[in-house]
């Protein structure tokens, strides 16, 4: 998909330096993947304390 974006050049250059991305496309892909992962983790944190994980490690090891 082709998209035209108006991005602050300083921000793009700094991000490319930090991430060692060679192209702006690579940088944007990495940024989008990081956003997706971050939001999925946020969603998983909503389950904290709501899921019972009573696991018997000895029983699991015997399997």
N, C-alpha and C. Protein backbone atom coordinates (compact mmCIF):
# COMPACT_ATOMS: atom_id res chain seq x y z
N UNK A 1 0.85 -1.17 0.00
CA UNK A 1 0.00 0.00 0.00
C UNK A 1 0.90 1.24 0.00
N UNK A 2 0.60 2.15 -0.84
CA UNK A 2 1.35 3.40 -0.87
C UNK A 2 0.57 4.47 -0.13
N UNK A 3 1.28 5.20 0.71
CA UNK A 3 0.66 6.26 1.50
C UNK A 3 1.63 7.43 1.59
N UNK A 4 1.10 8.62 1.49
CA UNK A 4 1.93 9.81 1.66
C UNK A 4 1.75 10.31 3.09
N UNK A 5 2.88 10.52 3.76
CA UNK A 5 2.85 10.98 5.15
C UNK A 5 3.69 12.24 5.29
N UNK A 6 3.26 13.10 6.17
CA UNK A 6 4.04 14.30 6.50
C UNK A 6 4.60 14.09 7.90
N UNK A 7 5.85 13.63 7.97
CA UNK A 7 6.48 13.30 9.24
C UNK A 7 7.61 14.28 9.55
N UNK A 8 7.79 14.60 10.82
CA UNK A 8 8.90 15.47 11.19
C UNK A 8 10.24 14.79 10.86
N UNK A 9 11.04 15.45 10.05
CA UNK A 9 12.31 14.87 9.58
C UNK A 9 13.24 14.52 10.74
N UNK A 10 13.31 15.40 11.75
CA UNK A 10 14.18 15.15 12.90
C UNK A 10 13.77 13.86 13.62
N UNK A 11 12.47 13.68 13.77
CA UNK A 11 11.95 12.50 14.45
C UNK A 11 12.28 11.24 13.66
N UNK A 12 12.09 11.27 12.37
CA UNK A 12 12.39 10.13 11.51
C UNK A 12 13.89 9.81 11.55
N UNK A 13 14.71 10.83 11.43
CA UNK A 13 16.16 10.61 11.44
C UNK A 13 16.64 10.02 12.76
N UNK A 14 16.12 10.54 13.86
CA UNK A 14 16.50 10.01 15.18
C UNK A 14 16.06 8.56 15.33
N UNK A 15 14.85 8.27 14.90
CA UNK A 15 14.34 6.90 15.00
C UNK A 15 15.16 5.95 14.13
N UNK A 16 15.55 6.39 12.94
CA UNK A 16 16.35 5.55 12.06
C UNK A 16 17.74 5.30 12.66
N UNK A 17 18.28 6.30 13.31
CA UNK A 17 19.58 6.16 13.97
C UNK A 17 19.51 5.15 15.11
N UNK A 18 18.49 5.29 15.93
CA UNK A 18 18.34 4.43 17.11
C UNK A 18 18.06 2.99 16.71
N UNK A 19 17.18 2.80 15.73
CA UNK A 19 16.77 1.45 15.35
C UNK A 19 17.68 0.80 14.33
N UNK A 20 18.55 1.59 13.72
CA UNK A 20 19.45 1.11 12.67
C UNK A 20 18.68 0.66 11.42
N UNK A 21 17.46 1.16 11.26
CA UNK A 21 16.69 0.87 10.05
C UNK A 21 17.34 1.58 8.88
N UNK A 22 17.37 0.91 7.73
CA UNK A 22 18.02 1.47 6.56
C UNK A 22 17.07 2.31 5.71
N UNK A 23 15.79 2.02 5.81
CA UNK A 23 14.81 2.75 5.01
C UNK A 23 13.67 3.26 5.88
N UNK A 24 12.99 4.25 5.38
CA UNK A 24 11.83 4.78 6.10
C UNK A 24 10.71 3.75 6.15
N UNK A 25 10.58 2.98 5.08
CA UNK A 25 9.55 1.93 5.05
C UNK A 25 9.81 0.91 6.16
N UNK A 26 11.06 0.49 6.29
CA UNK A 26 11.43 -0.45 7.34
C UNK A 26 11.14 0.14 8.73
N UNK A 27 11.42 1.41 8.89
CA UNK A 27 11.18 2.10 10.15
C UNK A 27 9.69 2.13 10.49
N UNK A 28 8.86 2.48 9.52
CA UNK A 28 7.42 2.55 9.75
C UNK A 28 6.86 1.16 10.07
N UNK A 29 7.33 0.13 9.36
CA UNK A 29 6.88 -1.24 9.64
C UNK A 29 7.22 -1.63 11.07
N UNK A 30 8.46 -1.32 11.48
CA UNK A 30 8.89 -1.65 12.84
C UNK A 30 8.03 -0.91 13.87
N UNK A 31 7.77 0.35 13.61
CA UNK A 31 6.95 1.15 14.54
C UNK A 31 5.55 0.57 14.65
N UNK A 32 4.95 0.19 13.53
CA UNK A 32 3.60 -0.38 13.55
C UNK A 32 3.58 -1.71 14.29
N UNK A 33 4.59 -2.54 14.06
CA UNK A 33 4.67 -3.83 14.77
C UNK A 33 4.81 -3.61 16.27
N UNK A 34 5.62 -2.63 16.66
CA UNK A 34 5.80 -2.34 18.09
C UNK A 34 4.50 -1.84 18.72
N UNK A 35 3.76 -1.03 18.01
CA UNK A 35 2.47 -0.54 18.52
C UNK A 35 1.52 -1.71 18.72
N UNK A 36 1.47 -2.61 17.74
CA UNK A 36 0.56 -3.76 17.83
C UNK A 36 0.93 -4.63 19.02
N UNK A 37 2.21 -4.94 19.19
CA UNK A 37 2.66 -5.76 20.31
C UNK A 37 2.33 -5.09 21.64
N UNK A 38 2.61 -3.80 21.72
CA UNK A 38 2.35 -3.06 22.96
C UNK A 38 0.87 -3.09 23.33
N UNK A 39 0.00 -2.91 22.35
CA UNK A 39 -1.44 -2.92 22.61
C UNK A 39 -1.93 -4.31 22.98
N UNK A 40 -1.37 -5.35 22.37
CA UNK A 40 -1.76 -6.72 22.73
C UNK A 40 -1.34 -7.03 24.15
N UNK A 41 -0.15 -6.59 24.54
CA UNK A 41 0.31 -6.79 25.92
C UNK A 41 -0.61 -6.07 26.89
N UNK A 42 -1.00 -4.86 26.52
CA UNK A 42 -1.92 -4.09 27.36
C UNK A 42 -3.23 -4.86 27.56
N UNK A 43 -3.71 -5.48 26.49
CA UNK A 43 -4.94 -6.27 26.57
C UNK A 43 -4.77 -7.49 27.46
N UNK A 44 -3.61 -8.13 27.39
CA UNK A 44 -3.36 -9.30 28.24
C UNK A 44 -3.28 -8.92 29.70
N UNK A 45 -2.78 -7.73 29.99
CA UNK A 45 -2.66 -7.28 31.38
C UNK A 45 -4.03 -7.14 32.04
N UNK A 46 -5.07 -6.97 31.24
CA UNK A 46 -6.43 -6.87 31.79
C UNK A 46 -6.86 -8.18 32.44
N UNK A 47 -6.21 -9.29 32.07
CA UNK A 47 -6.56 -10.58 32.64
C UNK A 47 -5.81 -10.87 33.94
N UNK A 48 -4.89 -9.99 34.33
CA UNK A 48 -4.12 -10.21 35.55
C UNK A 48 -5.03 -10.41 36.75
N UNK A 49 -4.86 -11.52 37.41
CA UNK A 49 -5.66 -11.82 38.60
C UNK A 49 -7.01 -12.42 38.29
N UNK A 50 -7.37 -12.56 37.02
CA UNK A 50 -8.69 -13.08 36.66
C UNK A 50 -8.63 -14.52 36.17
N UNK A 51 -7.44 -15.01 35.87
CA UNK A 51 -7.29 -16.36 35.37
C UNK A 51 -6.55 -17.18 36.42
N UNK A 52 -7.12 -18.31 36.75
CA UNK A 52 -6.51 -19.18 37.74
C UNK A 52 -5.45 -20.04 37.06
N UNK A 53 -4.24 -19.93 37.53
CA UNK A 53 -3.14 -20.71 36.97
C UNK A 53 -2.55 -21.64 38.02
N UNK A 54 -3.40 -22.40 38.63
CA UNK A 54 -2.94 -23.35 39.64
C UNK A 54 -2.32 -24.54 38.92
N UNK A 55 -1.04 -24.47 38.72
CA UNK A 55 -0.34 -25.50 37.96
C UNK A 55 0.58 -26.27 38.91
N UNK A 56 0.49 -27.58 38.85
CA UNK A 56 1.38 -28.44 39.62
C UNK A 56 2.56 -28.78 38.72
N UNK A 57 3.70 -28.16 38.96
CA UNK A 57 4.86 -28.35 38.09
C UNK A 57 5.34 -29.79 38.05
N UNK A 58 5.24 -30.50 39.17
CA UNK A 58 5.65 -31.92 39.18
C UNK A 58 4.77 -32.74 38.25
N UNK A 59 3.48 -32.47 38.26
CA UNK A 59 2.54 -33.19 37.39
C UNK A 59 2.82 -32.86 35.92
N UNK A 60 3.13 -31.62 35.63
CA UNK A 60 3.42 -31.21 34.26
C UNK A 60 4.70 -31.89 33.78
N UNK A 61 5.68 -31.97 34.64
CA UNK A 61 6.97 -32.59 34.27
C UNK A 61 6.82 -34.08 33.97
N UNK A 62 5.86 -34.73 34.63
CA UNK A 62 5.64 -36.16 34.40
C UNK A 62 5.01 -36.46 33.05
N UNK A 63 4.37 -35.48 32.46
CA UNK A 63 3.70 -35.70 31.18
C UNK A 63 4.67 -35.95 30.13
